[in-house]
Amino acid sequence: MTTHRPTGRDEAAAQRPPRGTAFLLAQVGAHAAARFAERISELGLIPAEVGILRMIAARPGRSQRSLAEELGVVPSRIVALVDRLEGKGLLARARNPTDRRNHALQLTAEGGAVMARMRGLAAAHEDQICAALDDAQRAHLSSLLAAIAAQQGLTPGVHPGYQQPPPT
């Protein structure tokens, strides 16, 4: 059995950082997600909770089931997140008057105030992450990333992290 010994060229290639676009997307994405989580920790929230609040703010009265379907997760995942947000006083469940099997989700006044703070944090986060780009470059990058996301079949506005279990 012959063992492969790296040549000088192989060793040099192994020491170079990856340069592919997919790697850079993953690297920047992981960095941006970690910085975002740090930034919103001052609100006592995790990114998945902020996403749920954002989705409810965009469509007040929606059901837990509709959230689960849009996010592509099992309903119990949404129930756990909604339970936590309700416990924090940021949203309320009410029986849906047209379908008593479902709860209509609404932000509370406190939830609305948190979302107002969140918008400022999100804008500051984006400004920091994209500080190396001018406005035209930011717009171009955004359109390129949207094209990639669409081609990959990703649901607009839905982070794939929802499929991961919540932290305990």
Protein backbone atom coordinates (compact mmCIF):
# COMPACT_ATOMS: atom_id res chain seq x y z
CA MET A 1 0.00 0.00 0.00
CA THR A 2 1.41 3.35 -1.01
CA THR A 3 0.94 6.42 1.13
CA HIS A 4 0.53 9.77 -0.52
CA ARG A 5 3.14 12.25 0.62
CA PRO A 6 2.22 15.87 0.05
CA THR A 7 4.40 17.70 -2.37
CA GLY A 8 5.52 21.25 -1.75
CA ARG A 9 2.71 22.44 -4.01
CA ASP A 10 0.10 20.41 -2.07
CA GLU A 11 1.32 21.83 1.24
CA ALA A 12 1.19 25.38 -0.09
CA ALA A 13 -2.35 24.83 -1.34
CA ALA A 14 -3.40 23.41 2.03
CA GLN A 15 -2.05 26.50 3.82
CA ARG A 16 -3.86 29.00 1.58
CA PRO A 17 -7.24 30.10 2.86
CA PRO A 18 -10.25 28.93 0.82
CA ARG A 19 -11.21 31.49 -1.81
CA GLY A 20 -14.44 30.19 -3.25
CA THR A 21 -17.57 32.31 -3.28
CA ALA A 22 -19.59 29.70 -1.37
CA PHE A 23 -16.96 29.64 1.38
CA LEU A 24 -16.93 33.43 1.61
CA LEU A 25 -20.73 33.49 1.80
CA ALA A 26 -20.63 30.95 4.63
CA GLN A 27 -17.83 32.79 6.42
CA VAL A 28 -19.50 36.19 6.25
CA GLY A 29 -22.90 34.67 7.03
CA ALA A 30 -21.65 32.90 10.15
CA HIS A 31 -19.85 36.07 11.28
CA ALA A 32 -22.92 38.25 10.65
CA ALA A 33 -25.21 35.80 12.46
CA ALA A 34 -22.94 35.67 15.51
CA ARG A 35 -22.63 39.48 15.65
CA PHE A 36 -26.41 39.83 15.27
CA ALA A 37 -27.02 37.40 18.13
CA GLU A 38 -24.61 39.41 20.31
CA ARG A 39 -26.29 42.67 19.37
CA ILE A 40 -29.83 41.51 20.18
CA SER A 41 -28.81 39.77 23.40
CA GLU A 42 -29.28 43.18 25.06
CA LEU A 43 -33.00 42.69 24.36
CA GLY A 44 -32.94 39.28 26.04
CA LEU A 45 -33.81 37.61 22.73
CA ILE A 46 -32.29 35.09 20.37
CA PRO A 47 -32.44 35.49 16.57
CA ALA A 48 -35.26 32.94 16.14
CA GLU A 49 -37.43 34.91 18.59
CA VAL A 50 -36.75 38.17 16.74
CA GLY A 51 -37.74 36.48 13.49
CA ILE A 52 -41.03 35.27 14.97
CA LEU A 53 -41.79 38.75 16.31
CA ARG A 54 -40.96 40.25 12.90
CA MET A 55 -43.26 37.81 11.13
CA ILE A 56 -46.12 38.49 13.55
CA ALA A 57 -45.60 42.25 13.26
CA ALA A 58 -45.85 41.90 9.47
CA ARG A 59 -49.05 39.81 9.69
CA PRO A 60 -50.83 40.35 13.01
CA GLY A 61 -53.39 37.69 13.83
CA ARG A 62 -51.61 34.91 11.99
CA SER A 63 -51.69 31.43 13.47
CA GLN A 64 -48.91 29.31 14.88
CA ARG A 65 -49.65 26.80 12.12
CA SER A 66 -49.09 29.42 9.39
CA LEU A 67 -45.75 30.33 10.99
CA ALA A 68 -44.70 26.68 11.06
CA GLU A 69 -45.67 26.22 7.41
CA GLU A 70 -43.85 29.36 6.25
CA LEU A 71 -40.72 28.45 8.21
CA GLY A 72 -40.83 24.80 7.15
CA VAL A 73 -40.70 23.47 10.71
CA VAL A 74 -42.84 21.22 12.85
CA PRO A 75 -45.56 23.09 14.76
CA SER A 76 -44.07 22.11 18.13
CA ARG A 77 -40.97 24.20 17.27
CA ILE A 78 -43.20 27.27 16.87
CA VAL A 79 -45.16 26.48 20.02
CA ALA A 80 -41.92 26.49 22.03
CA LEU A 81 -40.85 29.86 20.60
CA VAL A 82 -44.31 31.39 21.03
CA ASP A 83 -44.46 30.09 24.62
CA ARG A 84 -41.16 31.82 25.40
CA LEU A 85 -42.22 35.09 23.76
CA GLU A 86 -45.57 35.02 25.52
CA GLY A 87 -43.75 34.38 28.80
CA LYS A 88 -41.62 37.47 28.15
CA GLY A 89 -44.78 39.53 27.62
CA LEU A 90 -43.95 40.27 23.96
CA LEU A 91 -46.88 38.56 22.28
CA ALA A 92 -50.32 37.30 23.12
CA ARG A 93 -52.42 34.42 21.87
CA ALA A 94 -56.12 34.81 21.35
CA ARG A 95 -58.59 32.28 20.01
CA ASN A 96 -59.19 32.89 16.35
CA PRO A 97 -62.87 33.87 16.09
CA THR A 98 -63.26 32.15 12.71
CA ASP A 99 -61.36 28.95 13.63
CA ARG A 100 -61.32 28.18 17.34
CA ARG A 101 -58.70 25.45 16.79
CA ASN A 102 -56.12 28.14 16.05
CA HIS A 103 -54.66 30.99 18.04
CA ALA A 104 -54.29 34.43 16.50
CA LEU A 105 -50.91 35.89 17.46
CA GLN A 106 -50.49 39.59 18.23
CA LEU A 107 -47.60 41.66 19.53
CA THR A 108 -48.23 43.23 22.90
CA ALA A 109 -47.41 46.90 23.48
CA GLU A 110 -44.09 45.74 24.95
CA GLY A 111 -43.52 43.54 21.89
CA GLY A 112 -44.10 46.54 19.64
CA ALA A 113 -41.59 48.58 21.66
CA VAL A 114 -39.03 45.79 21.39
CA MET A 115 -39.56 45.66 17.63
CA ALA A 116 -38.98 49.42 17.39
CA ARG A 117 -35.66 48.97 19.22
CA MET A 118 -34.92 45.96 17.04
CA ARG A 119 -35.24 48.00 13.85
CA GLY A 120 -32.52 50.35 15.11
CA LEU A 121 -30.28 47.45 16.11
CA ALA A 122 -30.80 45.76 12.74
CA ALA A 123 -29.92 48.94 10.83
CA ALA A 124 -26.76 49.42 12.91
CA HIS A 125 -25.86 45.77 12.35
CA GLU A 126 -26.25 46.03 8.60
CA ASP A 127 -24.24 49.27 8.53
CA GLN A 128 -21.42 47.62 10.48
CA ILE A 129 -21.37 44.43 8.40
CA CYS A 130 -21.45 46.37 5.10
CA ALA A 131 -19.17 49.23 6.15
CA ALA A 132 -16.63 48.35 3.44
CA LEU A 133 -19.22 49.01 0.70
CA ASP A 134 -20.71 52.20 -0.68
CA ASP A 135 -24.47 52.47 -1.27
CA ALA A 136 -24.28 51.27 -4.88
CA GLN A 137 -22.14 48.27 -3.92
CA ARG A 138 -24.51 47.38 -1.08
CA ALA A 139 -27.49 47.49 -3.44
CA HIS A 140 -25.64 45.39 -6.03
CA LEU A 141 -24.56 42.82 -3.44
CA SER A 142 -28.11 42.62 -2.12
CA SER A 143 -29.53 41.97 -5.58
CA LEU A 144 -26.87 39.32 -6.30
CA LEU A 145 -27.56 37.55 -3.02
CA ALA A 146 -31.32 37.70 -3.66
CA ALA A 147 -30.74 36.07 -7.07
CA ILE A 148 -28.68 33.28 -5.48
CA ALA A 149 -31.29 32.75 -2.74
CA ALA A 150 -34.10 32.56 -5.32
CA GLN A 151 -32.17 30.14 -7.53
CA GLN A 152 -31.52 27.93 -4.48
CA GLY A 153 -35.23 27.90 -3.65
CA LEU A 154 -34.87 29.71 -0.33
CA THR A 155 -37.98 31.31 1.13
CA PRO A 156 -37.55 35.10 1.19
CA GLY A 157 -37.16 36.42 4.73
CA VAL A 158 -36.88 32.96 6.32
CA HIS A 159 -33.57 32.01 7.93
CA PRO A 160 -32.72 28.30 7.68
CA GLY A 161 -31.70 28.35 11.35
CA TYR A 162 -35.32 27.78 12.37
CA GLN A 163 -34.89 24.10 11.61
CA GLN A 164 -32.38 23.86 14.49
CA PRO A 165 -33.67 23.09 17.97
CA PRO A 166 -33.95 26.06 20.35
CA PRO A 167 -31.24 26.61 22.95
CA THR A 168 -32.13 25.34 26.39
